[in-house]
C-alpha atoms as a PDB file:
ATOM      1  CA  UNK A   1      -3.894   1.578  15.122  1.00  0.00           C
ATOM      2  CA  UNK A   2      -4.563  -0.737  12.193  1.00  0.00           C
ATOM      3  CA  UNK A   3      -7.529  -0.454  10.244  1.00  0.00           C
ATOM      4  CA  UNK A   4      -9.254  -3.998  10.478  1.00  0.00           C
ATOM      5  CA  UNK A   5     -11.975  -2.765   7.619  1.00  0.00           C
ATOM      6  CA  UNK A   6      -9.349  -2.229   4.693  1.00  0.00           C
ATOM      7  CA  UNK A   7      -9.760  -4.324   1.596  1.00  0.00           C
ATOM      8  CA  UNK A   8      -6.583  -6.158   0.829  1.00  0.00           C
ATOM      9  CA  UNK A   9      -5.926  -7.612  -2.880  1.00  0.00           C
ATOM     10  CA  UNK A  10      -3.088  -9.713  -4.166  1.00  0.00           C
ATOM     11  CA  UNK A  11      -0.593  -7.627  -5.572  1.00  0.00           C
ATOM     12  CA  UNK A  12       2.143  -9.897  -7.168  1.00  0.00           C
ATOM     13  CA  UNK A  13       4.294 -12.706  -6.333  1.00  0.00           C
ATOM     14  CA  UNK A  14       8.127 -13.276  -6.935  1.00  0.00           C
ATOM     15  CA  UNK A  15      10.778 -16.030  -6.418  1.00  0.00           C
ATOM     16  CA  UNK A  16      14.464 -15.418  -5.738  1.00  0.00           C
ATOM     17  CA  UNK A  17      17.425 -17.147  -4.654  1.00  0.00           C
ATOM     18  CA  UNK A  18      19.482 -16.691  -2.085  1.00  0.00           C
ATOM     19  CA  UNK A  19      22.342 -18.301   0.104  1.00  0.00           C
ATOM     20  CA  UNK A  20      21.222 -16.547   3.335  1.00  0.00           C
ATOM     21  CA  UNK A  21      18.429 -18.617   5.699  1.00  0.00           C
ATOM     22  CA  UNK A  22      15.171 -17.441   6.008  1.00  0.00           C
ATOM     23  CA  UNK A  23      15.402 -14.843   8.613  1.00  0.00           C
ATOM     24  CA  UNK A  24      18.318 -12.906   7.019  1.00  0.00           C
ATOM     25  CA  UNK A  25      16.132 -13.290   3.643  1.00  0.00           C
ATOM     26  CA  UNK A  26      13.290 -12.043   5.583  1.00  0.00           C
ATOM     27  CA  UNK A  27      15.281  -8.737   7.469  1.00  0.00           C
ATOM     28  CA  UNK A  28      16.589  -7.876   3.598  1.00  0.00           C
ATOM     29  CA  UNK A  29      12.911  -7.598   2.790  1.00  0.00           C
ATOM     30  CA  UNK A  30      12.217  -5.704   5.764  1.00  0.00           C
ATOM     31  CA  UNK A  31      14.819  -3.007   4.648  1.00  0.00           C
ATOM     32  CA  UNK A  32      13.586  -2.684   1.296  1.00  0.00           C
ATOM     33  CA  UNK A  33      10.169  -2.143   2.423  1.00  0.00           C
ATOM     34  CA  UNK A  34      11.317   0.434   5.292  1.00  0.00           C
ATOM     35  CA  UNK A  35      11.984   2.673   2.326  1.00  0.00           C
ATOM     36  CA  UNK A  36       8.625   3.818   1.890  1.00  0.00           C
ATOM     37  CA  UNK A  37       7.255   3.749   5.092  1.00  0.00           C
ATOM     38  CA  UNK A  38       6.967   2.146   8.657  1.00  0.00           C
ATOM     39  CA  UNK A  39       7.336  -1.562   8.775  1.00  0.00           C
ATOM     40  CA  UNK A  40       5.788  -3.833  11.508  1.00  0.00           C
ATOM     41  CA  UNK A  41       6.849  -7.255  11.997  1.00  0.00           C
ATOM     42  CA  UNK A  42       4.586 -10.224  12.522  1.00  0.00           C
ATOM     43  CA  UNK A  43       5.882  -9.914  16.747  1.00  0.00           C
ATOM     44  CA  UNK A  44       4.844  -6.397  16.479  1.00  0.00           C
ATOM     45  CA  UNK A  45       1.750  -7.198  15.020  1.00  0.00           C
ATOM     46  CA  UNK A  46       0.418  -9.784  17.821  1.00  0.00           C
ATOM     47  CA  UNK A  47      -2.581  -8.384  19.562  1.00  0.00           C
ATOM     48  CA  UNK A  48      -3.748  -6.027  16.426  1.00  0.00           C
ATOM     49  CA  UNK A  49      -6.837  -7.048  14.638  1.00  0.00           C
ATOM     50  CA  UNK A  50      -5.813  -6.933  10.762  1.00  0.00           C
ATOM     51  CA  UNK A  51      -7.313  -7.129   7.909  1.00  0.00           C
ATOM     52  CA  UNK A  52      -8.680 -10.090   7.096  1.00  0.00           C
ATOM     53  CA  UNK A  53      -6.874 -11.143   3.957  1.00  0.00           C
ATOM     54  CA  UNK A  54      -3.796 -10.122   6.079  1.00  0.00           C
ATOM     55  CA  UNK A  55      -3.782 -12.517   8.987  1.00  0.00           C
ATOM     56  CA  UNK A  56      -0.731 -14.607   8.905  1.00  0.00           C
ATOM     57  CA  UNK A  57       1.641 -11.653   7.066  1.00  0.00           C
ATOM     58  CA  UNK A  58       5.304 -11.809   8.121  1.00  0.00           C
ATOM     59  CA  UNK A  59       5.301  -8.015   7.238  1.00  0.00           C
ATOM     60  CA  UNK A  60       3.193  -4.928   7.064  1.00  0.00           C
ATOM     61  CA  UNK A  61       4.582  -1.905   5.296  1.00  0.00           C
ATOM     62  CA  UNK A  62       1.982   0.997   6.873  1.00  0.00           C
ATOM     63  CA  UNK A  63       2.021   4.159   4.259  1.00  0.00           C
ATOM     64  CA  UNK A  64      -1.249   6.022   5.821  1.00  0.00           C
ATOM     65  CA  UNK A  65      -2.025   9.407   6.090  1.00  0.00           C
ATOM     66  CA  UNK A  66      -4.706  11.044   7.316  1.00  0.00           C
ATOM     67  CA  UNK A  67      -6.507  11.220   4.574  1.00  0.00           C
ATOM     68  CA  UNK A  68      -5.917   7.565   3.504  1.00  0.00           C
ATOM     69  CA  UNK A  69      -5.061   4.321   4.979  1.00  0.00           C
ATOM     70  CA  UNK A  70      -2.689   2.458   2.731  1.00  0.00           C
ATOM     71  CA  UNK A  71      -0.962  -0.924   3.630  1.00  0.00           C
ATOM     72  CA  UNK A  72       1.302  -3.395   1.883  1.00  0.00           C
ATOM     73  CA  UNK A  73       1.658  -7.196   3.501  1.00  0.00           C
ATOM     74  CA  UNK A  74       4.528  -9.492   2.809  1.00  0.00           C
ATOM     75  CA  UNK A  75       4.382 -13.631   3.393  1.00  0.00           C
ATOM     76  CA  UNK A  76       8.042 -15.023   2.878  1.00  0.00           C
ATOM     77  CA  UNK A  77       7.813 -18.575   2.044  1.00  0.00           C
ATOM     78  CA  UNK A  78      10.656 -21.092   1.822  1.00  0.00           C
ATOM     79  CA  UNK A  79      10.303 -22.964  -1.826  1.00  0.00           C
ATOM     80  CA  UNK A  80      12.811 -25.419  -1.302  1.00  0.00           C
ATOM     81  CA  UNK A  81      16.693 -26.053  -2.466  1.00  0.00           C
ATOM     82  CA  UNK A  82      18.070 -24.672  -5.552  1.00  0.00           C
ATOM     83  CA  UNK A  83      21.481 -25.995  -5.166  1.00  0.00           C
ATOM     84  CA  UNK A  84      24.478 -25.382  -3.431  1.00  0.00           C
ATOM     85  CA  UNK A  85      27.384 -22.666  -4.020  1.00  0.00           C
ATOM     86  CA  UNK A  86      30.980 -23.563  -5.061  1.00  0.00           C
ATOM     87  CA  UNK A  87      31.345 -23.451  -1.185  1.00  0.00           C
ATOM     88  CA  UNK A  88      28.980 -25.829  -0.690  1.00  0.00           C
ATOM     89  CA  UNK A  89      26.785 -23.628   1.137  1.00  0.00           C
ATOM     90  CA  UNK A  90      22.817 -24.147   0.332  1.00  0.00           C
ATOM     91  CA  UNK A  91      20.978 -21.825  -2.112  1.00  0.00           C
ATOM     92  CA  UNK A  92      17.248 -21.705  -1.339  1.00  0.00           C
ATOM     93  CA  UNK A  93      14.519 -20.667  -3.530  1.00  0.00           C
ATOM     94  CA  UNK A  94      12.060 -18.006  -1.390  1.00  0.00           C
ATOM     95  CA  UNK A  95       8.842 -17.013  -2.840  1.00  0.00           C
ATOM     96  CA  UNK A  96       7.613 -13.587  -1.701  1.00  0.00           C
ATOM     97  CA  UNK A  97       3.893 -12.639  -1.968  1.00  0.00           C
ATOM     98  CA  UNK A  98       2.129  -8.869  -1.547  1.00  0.00           C
ATOM     99  CA  UNK A  99      -1.068  -7.841  -1.029  1.00  0.00           C
ATOM    100  CA  UNK A 100      -2.073  -4.084  -0.833  1.00  0.00           C
ATOM    101  CA  UNK A 101      -4.990  -2.171   0.086  1.00  0.00           C
ATOM    102  CA  UNK A 102      -6.310   1.216   0.646  1.00  0.00           C
ATOM    103  CA  UNK A 103      -9.165   2.985   1.870  1.00  0.00           C
ATOM    104  CA  UNK A 104     -10.192   6.670   2.606  1.00  0.00           C
ATOM    105  CA  UNK A 105     -10.300   8.180   6.247  1.00  0.00           C
ATOM    106  CA  UNK A 106     -13.130  10.028   7.305  1.00  0.00           C
ATOM    107  CA  UNK A 107     -11.179  13.045   7.028  1.00  0.00           C
ATOM    108  CA  UNK A 108     -10.413  12.494   3.317  1.00  0.00           C
ATOM    109  CA  UNK A 109     -14.021  11.946   2.960  1.00  0.00           C
ATOM    110  CA  UNK A 110     -14.758  15.111   4.651  1.00  0.00           C
ATOM    111  CA  UNK A 111     -12.144  17.205   2.955  1.00  0.00           C
ATOM    112  CA  UNK A 112     -13.568  15.986  -0.320  1.00  0.00           C
ATOM    113  CA  UNK A 113     -17.012  17.098   0.201  1.00  0.00           C
ATOM    114  CA  UNK A 114     -15.832  20.442   1.324  1.00  0.00           C
ATOM    115  CA  UNK A 115     -13.874  20.872  -1.832  1.00  0.00           C
ATOM    116  CA  UNK A 116     -17.385  20.074  -3.938  1.00  0.00           C
ATOM    117  CA  UNK A 117     -18.932  22.736  -1.506  1.00  0.00           C
ATOM    118  CA  UNK A 118     -16.209  25.454  -1.927  1.00  0.00           C
ATOM    119  CA  UNK A 119     -15.851  25.041  -5.475  1.00  0.00           C
ATOM    120  CA  UNK A 120     -19.690  25.517  -5.769  1.00  0.00           C
ATOM    121  CA  UNK A 121     -19.968  28.361  -3.458  1.00  0.00           C
ATOM    122  CA  UNK A 122     -16.660  30.410  -5.645  1.00  0.00           C
ATOM    123  CA  UNK A 123     -18.673  29.697  -8.687  1.00  0.00           C
ATOM    124  CA  UNK A 124     -21.905  30.937  -7.420  1.00  0.00           C
ATOM    125  CA  UNK A 125     -20.113  34.317  -6.005  1.00  0.00           C
ATOM    126  CA  UNK A 126     -18.491  34.921  -9.548  1.00  0.00           C
ATOM    127  CA  UNK A 127     -21.260  34.749 -11.507  1.00  0.00           C
ATOM    128  CA  UNK A 128     -23.821  36.278  -9.109  1.00  0.00           C
ATOM    129  CA  UNK A 129     -25.936  33.255  -9.093  1.00  0.00           C
ATOM    130  CA  UNK A 130     -25.997  32.060 -12.313  1.00  0.00           C
ATOM    131  CA  UNK A 131     -26.449  28.392 -12.733  1.00  0.00           C
ATOM    132  CA  UNK A 132     -24.498  27.340 -15.573  1.00  0.00           C
ATOM    133  CA  UNK A 133     -21.168  28.774 -14.192  1.00  0.00           C
ATOM    134  CA  UNK A 134     -21.990  27.503 -10.605  1.00  0.00           C
ATOM    135  CA  UNK A 135     -22.551  23.916 -11.894  1.00  0.00           C
ATOM    136  CA  UNK A 136     -19.405  24.069 -13.947  1.00  0.00           C
ATOM    137  CA  UNK A 137     -17.252  25.378 -10.901  1.00  0.00           C
ATOM    138  CA  UNK A 138     -19.275  22.405  -8.977  1.00  0.00           C
ATOM    139  CA  UNK A 139     -18.076  19.671 -11.416  1.00  0.00           C
ATOM    140  CA  UNK A 140     -14.539  21.220 -10.940  1.00  0.00           C
ATOM    141  CA  UNK A 141     -14.911  20.459  -7.247  1.00  0.00           C
ATOM    142  CA  UNK A 142     -16.153  17.013  -8.046  1.00  0.00           C
ATOM    143  CA  UNK A 143     -13.451  16.122 -10.351  1.00  0.00           C
ATOM    144  CA  UNK A 144     -11.095  17.158  -7.336  1.00  0.00           C
ATOM    145  CA  UNK A 145     -12.866  14.994  -5.067  1.00  0.00           C
ATOM    146  CA  UNK A 146     -12.970  11.772  -7.311  1.00  0.00           C
ATOM    147  CA  UNK A 147      -9.213  12.274  -7.825  1.00  0.00           C
ATOM    148  CA  UNK A 148      -8.988  12.375  -3.999  1.00  0.00           C
ATOM    149  CA  UNK A 149     -11.099   9.747  -3.295  1.00  0.00           C
ATOM    150  CA  UNK A 150     -10.244   6.960  -5.754  1.00  0.00           C
ATOM    151  CA  UNK A 151      -7.597   4.286  -4.977  1.00  0.00           C
ATOM    152  CA  UNK A 152      -4.190   5.004  -4.627  1.00  0.00           C
ATOM    153  CA  UNK A 153      -2.133   4.955  -7.332  1.00  0.00           C
ATOM    154  CA  UNK A 154       1.076   5.281  -5.583  1.00  0.00           C
ATOM    155  CA  UNK A 155       0.624   2.123  -3.752  1.00  0.00           C
ATOM    156  CA  UNK A 156       0.497   0.017  -6.510  1.00  0.00           C
ATOM    157  CA  UNK A 157       4.133   1.742  -8.113  1.00  0.00           C
ATOM    158  CA  UNK A 158       5.457   0.916  -4.453  1.00  0.00           C
ATOM    159  CA  UNK A 159       4.420  -2.506  -4.995  1.00  0.00           C
ATOM    160  CA  UNK A 160       5.926  -3.006  -8.461  1.00  0.00           C
ATOM    161  CA  UNK A 161       9.276  -1.304  -7.201  1.00  0.00           C
ATOM    162  CA  UNK A 162       9.329  -3.642  -4.282  1.00  0.00           C
ATOM    163  CA  UNK A 163       8.621  -6.736  -6.381  1.00  0.00           C
ATOM    164  CA  UNK A 164      11.405  -5.675  -9.027  1.00  0.00           C
ATOM    165  CA  UNK A 165      13.964  -5.265  -6.162  1.00  0.00           C
ATOM    166  CA  UNK A 166      13.081  -8.667  -4.771  1.00  0.00           C
ATOM    167  CA  UNK A 167      13.581 -10.384  -8.321  1.00  0.00           C
ATOM    168  CA  UNK A 168      16.896  -8.659  -8.754  1.00  0.00           C
ATOM    169  CA  UNK A 169      17.708  -9.676  -5.440  1.00  0.00           C
ATOM    170  CA  UNK A 170      18.823  -6.517  -3.727  1.00  0.00           C
END
């Protein structure tokens, strides 16, 4: 099930040339995206309520975990003719646009809150109720919770790797 409340942002666009038709180019992009998670085509997304910014996408990469919802969407557009090969086959320009989004699940939020509580209790037990030690341990828990709840950094890395692969024409 797709989480329709996920905020999606533009992640980048790349142009590339290909001798292959639109469907084959889209299949190659799907293969490249499948290295990072479950890829759904537009046909498979029919009937699903997508995030507002993702409506009309050709592919959706779902990299979600039980702690965080992570999506990358792809739109492939034909950008015209680039010329012909030596065999007379047309070379087409294609533009691939990616959007990425992530948000915390309820489980992730509860685990982060439990992390703060556990560290504060640990500090209290170790220090026999001393306020400064308890606060120090609670701050360690807050740092860990902040690291868990901040936006996913690995989604951004996946987007840059995908854009690089598209640009190189893999």
